[in-house]
Amino acid sequence: MLSPRPSQRAGRSLPARPRPPWHVHWFRHVGEDPLGPAGVYACRCGEVRPGL
């Protein structure tokens, strides 16, 4: 039989890892810009930028 994971032992929970204060944008193409010839790119955080 397998032993329980450390987070399941005696009702203890592991502390949450703090998130870093910085964020690296990962832009992906989401559509065409209606006001210009470039595409529109969005990050998972919600920031949107036109393509170059």
PDB file of N, CA and C in Angstrom:
ATOM      1  N   MET A   1       0.834  -1.182   0.000  1.00  0.00           N
ATOM      2  CA  MET A   1       0.000   0.000   0.000  1.00  0.00           C
ATOM      3  C   MET A   1       0.880   1.247   0.000  1.00  0.00           C
ATOM      4  N   LEU A   2       0.457   2.255  -0.704  1.00  0.00           N
ATOM      5  CA  LEU A   2       1.215   3.499  -0.779  1.00  0.00           C
ATOM      6  C   LEU A   2       0.950   4.358   0.443  1.00  0.00           C
ATOM      7  N   SER A   3       1.971   5.061   0.870  1.00  0.00           N
ATOM      8  CA  SER A   3       1.781   5.986   1.993  1.00  0.00           C
ATOM      9  C   SER A   3       1.137   7.269   1.484  1.00  0.00           C
ATOM     10  N   PRO A   4       0.401   7.958   2.355  1.00  0.00           N
ATOM     11  CA  PRO A   4      -0.245   9.198   1.915  1.00  0.00           C
ATOM     12  C   PRO A   4       0.782  10.264   1.574  1.00  0.00           C
ATOM     13  N   ARG A   5       0.375  11.161   0.699  1.00  0.00           N
ATOM     14  CA  ARG A   5       1.255  12.268   0.332  1.00  0.00           C
ATOM     15  C   ARG A   5       1.489  13.164   1.552  1.00  0.00           C
ATOM     16  N   PRO A   6       2.592  13.920   1.573  1.00  0.00           N
ATOM     17  CA  PRO A   6       2.863  14.797   2.716  1.00  0.00           C
ATOM     18  C   PRO A   6       1.733  15.789   2.993  1.00  0.00           C
ATOM     19  N   SER A   7       1.047  16.237   1.955  1.00  0.00           N
ATOM     20  CA  SER A   7      -0.019  17.210   2.161  1.00  0.00           C
ATOM     21  C   SER A   7      -1.258  16.575   2.775  1.00  0.00           C
ATOM     22  N   GLN A   8      -1.346  15.236   2.778  1.00  0.00           N
ATOM     23  CA  GLN A   8      -2.513  14.552   3.318  1.00  0.00           C
ATOM     24  C   GLN A   8      -2.272  14.001   4.717  1.00  0.00           C
ATOM     25  N   ARG A   9      -1.069  14.056   5.218  1.00  0.00           N
ATOM     26  CA  ARG A   9      -0.745  13.507   6.530  1.00  0.00           C
ATOM     27  C   ARG A   9      -1.281  14.392   7.647  1.00  0.00           C
ATOM     28  N   ALA A  10      -2.004  13.826   8.538  1.00  0.00           N
ATOM     29  CA  ALA A  10      -2.485  14.472   9.769  1.00  0.00           C
ATOM     30  C   ALA A  10      -3.205  15.792   9.500  1.00  0.00           C
ATOM     31  N   GLY A  11      -3.827  15.929   8.333  1.00  0.00           N
ATOM     32  CA  GLY A  11      -4.612  17.125   8.059  1.00  0.00           C
ATOM     33  C   GLY A  11      -3.791  18.385   7.830  1.00  0.00           C
ATOM     34  N   ARG A  12      -2.499  18.251   7.673  1.00  0.00           N
ATOM     35  CA  ARG A  12      -1.664  19.435   7.441  1.00  0.00           C
ATOM     36  C   ARG A  12      -1.693  19.813   5.975  1.00  0.00           C
ATOM     37  N   SER A  13      -1.584  21.074   5.699  1.00  0.00           N
ATOM     38  CA  SER A  13      -1.478  21.522   4.316  1.00  0.00           C
ATOM     39  C   SER A  13      -0.138  22.211   4.114  1.00  0.00           C
ATOM     40  N   LEU A  14       0.382  22.088   2.921  1.00  0.00           N
ATOM     41  CA  LEU A  14       1.650  22.729   2.610  1.00  0.00           C
ATOM     42  C   LEU A  14       1.435  24.223   2.414  1.00  0.00           C
ATOM     43  N   PRO A  15       2.398  25.050   2.812  1.00  0.00           N
ATOM     44  CA  PRO A  15       2.236  26.483   2.586  1.00  0.00           C
ATOM     45  C   PRO A  15       2.268  26.808   1.101  1.00  0.00           C
ATOM     46  N   ALA A  16       1.471  27.767   0.701  1.00  0.00           N
ATOM     47  CA  ALA A  16       1.418  28.180  -0.707  1.00  0.00           C
ATOM     48  C   ALA A  16       2.708  28.904  -1.069  1.00  0.00           C
ATOM     49  N   ARG A  17       3.194  28.635  -2.294  1.00  0.00           N
ATOM     50  CA  ARG A  17       4.380  29.348  -2.750  1.00  0.00           C
ATOM     51  C   ARG A  17       3.985  30.758  -3.144  1.00  0.00           C
ATOM     52  N   PRO A  18       4.733  31.758  -2.708  1.00  0.00           N
ATOM     53  CA  PRO A  18       4.398  33.133  -3.099  1.00  0.00           C
ATOM     54  C   PRO A  18       4.661  33.347  -4.578  1.00  0.00           C
ATOM     55  N   ARG A  19       3.799  34.119  -5.219  1.00  0.00           N
ATOM     56  CA  ARG A  19       3.976  34.430  -6.637  1.00  0.00           C
ATOM     57  C   ARG A  19       4.951  35.585  -6.770  1.00  0.00           C
ATOM     58  N   PRO A  20       5.799  35.551  -7.777  1.00  0.00           N
ATOM     59  CA  PRO A  20       6.743  36.659  -7.962  1.00  0.00           C
ATOM     60  C   PRO A  20       6.000  37.939  -8.338  1.00  0.00           C
ATOM     61  N   PRO A  21       6.560  39.098  -8.001  1.00  0.00           N
ATOM     62  CA  PRO A  21       5.896  40.365  -8.310  1.00  0.00           C
ATOM     63  C   PRO A  21       5.957  40.735  -9.794  1.00  0.00           C
ATOM     64  N   TRP A  22       6.740  40.023 -10.605  1.00  0.00           N
ATOM     65  CA  TRP A  22       6.876  40.328 -12.014  1.00  0.00           C
ATOM     66  C   TRP A  22       6.114  39.305 -12.839  1.00  0.00           C
ATOM     67  N   HIS A  23       5.836  39.677 -14.067  1.00  0.00           N
ATOM     68  CA  HIS A  23       5.100  38.818 -14.998  1.00  0.00           C
ATOM     69  C   HIS A  23       5.701  38.957 -16.378  1.00  0.00           C
ATOM     70  N   VAL A  24       6.002  37.855 -17.015  1.00  0.00           N
ATOM     71  CA  VAL A  24       6.510  37.858 -18.386  1.00  0.00           C
ATOM     72  C   VAL A  24       5.316  37.650 -19.314  1.00  0.00           C
ATOM     73  N   HIS A  25       5.081  38.614 -20.196  1.00  0.00           N
ATOM     74  CA  HIS A  25       3.941  38.513 -21.105  1.00  0.00           C
ATOM     75  C   HIS A  25       4.194  37.446 -22.156  1.00  0.00           C
ATOM     76  N   TRP A  26       3.193  36.631 -22.417  1.00  0.00           N
ATOM     77  CA  TRP A  26       3.255  35.603 -23.436  1.00  0.00           C
ATOM     78  C   TRP A  26       2.127  35.904 -24.415  1.00  0.00           C
ATOM     79  N   PHE A  27       2.424  36.742 -25.422  1.00  0.00           N
ATOM     80  CA  PHE A  27       1.407  37.183 -26.366  1.00  0.00           C
ATOM     81  C   PHE A  27       1.139  36.108 -27.417  1.00  0.00           C
ATOM     82  N   ARG A  28      -0.137  35.935 -27.774  1.00  0.00           N
ATOM     83  CA  ARG A  28      -0.530  35.015 -28.833  1.00  0.00           C
ATOM     84  C   ARG A  28      -1.518  35.718 -29.741  1.00  0.00           C
ATOM     85  N   HIS A  29      -1.532  35.320 -30.988  1.00  0.00           N
ATOM     86  CA  HIS A  29      -2.401  35.941 -31.987  1.00  0.00           C
ATOM     87  C   HIS A  29      -3.855  35.583 -31.692  1.00  0.00           C
ATOM     88  N   VAL A  30      -4.715  36.613 -31.600  1.00  0.00           N
ATOM     89  CA  VAL A  30      -6.128  36.360 -31.305  1.00  0.00           C
ATOM     90  C   VAL A  30      -7.065  36.874 -32.388  1.00  0.00           C
ATOM     91  N   GLY A  31      -6.562  37.608 -33.365  1.00  0.00           N
ATOM     92  CA  GLY A  31      -7.429  38.096 -34.434  1.00  0.00           C
ATOM     93  C   GLY A  31      -6.778  39.206 -35.223  1.00  0.00           C
ATOM     94  N   GLU A  32      -7.558  39.768 -36.119  1.00  0.00           N
ATOM     95  CA  GLU A  32      -7.081  40.861 -36.958  1.00  0.00           C
ATOM     96  C   GLU A  32      -7.538  42.196 -36.389  1.00  0.00           C
ATOM     97  N   ASP A  33      -6.700  43.217 -36.516  1.00  0.00           N
ATOM     98  CA  ASP A  33      -7.014  44.562 -36.043  1.00  0.00           C
ATOM     99  C   ASP A  33      -7.968  45.231 -37.035  1.00  0.00           C
ATOM    100  N   PRO A  34      -9.159  45.629 -36.594  1.00  0.00           N
ATOM    101  CA  PRO A  34     -10.107  46.248 -37.529  1.00  0.00           C
ATOM    102  C   PRO A  34      -9.675  47.646 -37.978  1.00  0.00           C
ATOM    103  N   LEU A  35      -8.751  48.283 -37.272  1.00  0.00           N
ATOM    104  CA  LEU A  35      -8.333  49.647 -37.601  1.00  0.00           C
ATOM    105  C   LEU A  35      -7.003  49.700 -38.342  1.00  0.00           C
ATOM    106  N   GLY A  36      -6.409  48.575 -38.635  1.00  0.00           N
ATOM    107  CA  GLY A  36      -5.121  48.586 -39.314  1.00  0.00           C
ATOM    108  C   GLY A  36      -4.798  47.239 -39.920  1.00  0.00           C
ATOM    109  N   PRO A  37      -3.639  47.143 -40.593  1.00  0.00           N
ATOM    110  CA  PRO A  37      -3.277  45.909 -41.283  1.00  0.00           C
ATOM    111  C   PRO A  37      -2.658  44.843 -40.375  1.00  0.00           C
ATOM    112  N   ALA A  38      -2.371  45.178 -39.131  1.00  0.00           N
ATOM    113  CA  ALA A  38      -1.690  44.238 -38.239  1.00  0.00           C
ATOM    114  C   ALA A  38      -2.681  43.368 -37.473  1.00  0.00           C
ATOM    115  N   GLY A  39      -2.176  42.287 -36.925  1.00  0.00           N
ATOM    116  CA  GLY A  39      -2.999  41.418 -36.100  1.00  0.00           C
ATOM    117  C   GLY A  39      -3.048  41.925 -34.663  1.00  0.00           C
ATOM    118  N   VAL A  40      -3.898  41.316 -33.862  1.00  0.00           N
ATOM    119  CA  VAL A  40      -4.021  41.666 -32.448  1.00  0.00           C
ATOM    120  C   VAL A  40      -3.485  40.495 -31.640  1.00  0.00           C
ATOM    121  N   TYR A  41      -2.662  40.809 -30.630  1.00  0.00           N
ATOM    122  CA  TYR A  41      -2.053  39.792 -29.781  1.00  0.00           C
ATOM    123  C   TYR A  41      -2.451  40.056 -28.334  1.00  0.00           C
ATOM    124  N   ALA A  42      -2.801  38.986 -27.607  1.00  0.00           N
ATOM    125  CA  ALA A  42      -3.228  39.119 -26.219  1.00  0.00           C
ATOM    126  C   ALA A  42      -2.389  38.211 -25.328  1.00  0.00           C
ATOM    127  N   CYS A  43      -2.172  38.672 -24.099  1.00  0.00           N
ATOM    128  CA  CYS A  43      -1.476  37.894 -23.083  1.00  0.00           C
ATOM    129  C   CYS A  43      -2.520  37.232 -22.197  1.00  0.00           C
ATOM    130  N   ARG A  44      -2.137  36.214 -21.464  1.00  0.00           N
ATOM    131  CA  ARG A  44      -3.070  35.534 -20.567  1.00  0.00           C
ATOM    132  C   ARG A  44      -3.533  36.433 -19.429  1.00  0.00           C
ATOM    133  N   CYS A  45      -2.793  37.514 -19.133  1.00  0.00           N
ATOM    134  CA  CYS A  45      -3.181  38.431 -18.062  1.00  0.00           C
ATOM    135  C   CYS A  45      -4.216  39.440 -18.523  1.00  0.00           C
ATOM    136  N   GLY A  46      -4.467  39.517 -19.831  1.00  0.00           N
ATOM    137  CA  GLY A  46      -5.481  40.416 -20.355  1.00  0.00           C
ATOM    138  C   GLY A  46      -4.931  41.595 -21.142  1.00  0.00           C
ATOM    139  N   GLU A  47      -3.631  41.816 -21.119  1.00  0.00           N
ATOM    140  CA  GLU A  47      -3.045  42.921 -21.885  1.00  0.00           C
ATOM    141  C   GLU A  47      -3.104  42.580 -23.380  1.00  0.00           C
ATOM    142  N   VAL A  48      -3.520  43.545 -24.186  1.00  0.00           N
ATOM    143  CA  VAL A  48      -3.663  43.353 -25.629  1.00  0.00           C
ATOM    144  C   VAL A  48      -2.780  44.364 -26.347  1.00  0.00           C
ATOM    145  N   ARG A  49      -2.093  43.913 -27.408  1.00  0.00           N
ATOM    146  CA  ARG A  49      -1.221  44.795 -28.198  1.00  0.00           C
ATOM    147  C   ARG A  49      -1.396  44.503 -29.679  1.00  0.00           C
ATOM    148  N   PRO A  50      -1.263  45.520 -30.515  1.00  0.00           N
ATOM    149  CA  PRO A  50      -1.295  45.283 -31.954  1.00  0.00           C
ATOM    150  C   PRO A  50       0.034  44.691 -32.407  1.00  0.00           C
ATOM    151  N   GLY A  51      -0.002  43.964 -33.489  1.00  0.00           N
ATOM    152  CA  GLY A  51       1.233  43.411 -34.068  1.00  0.00           C
ATOM    153  C   GLY A  51       2.029  44.490 -34.754  1.00  0.00           C
ATOM    154  N   LEU A  52       3.279  44.201 -35.052  1.00  0.00           N
ATOM    155  CA  LEU A  52       4.132  45.195 -35.708  1.00  0.00           C
ATOM    156  C   LEU A  52       4.181  44.961 -37.189  1.00  0.00           C
TER     157      LEU A  52
END
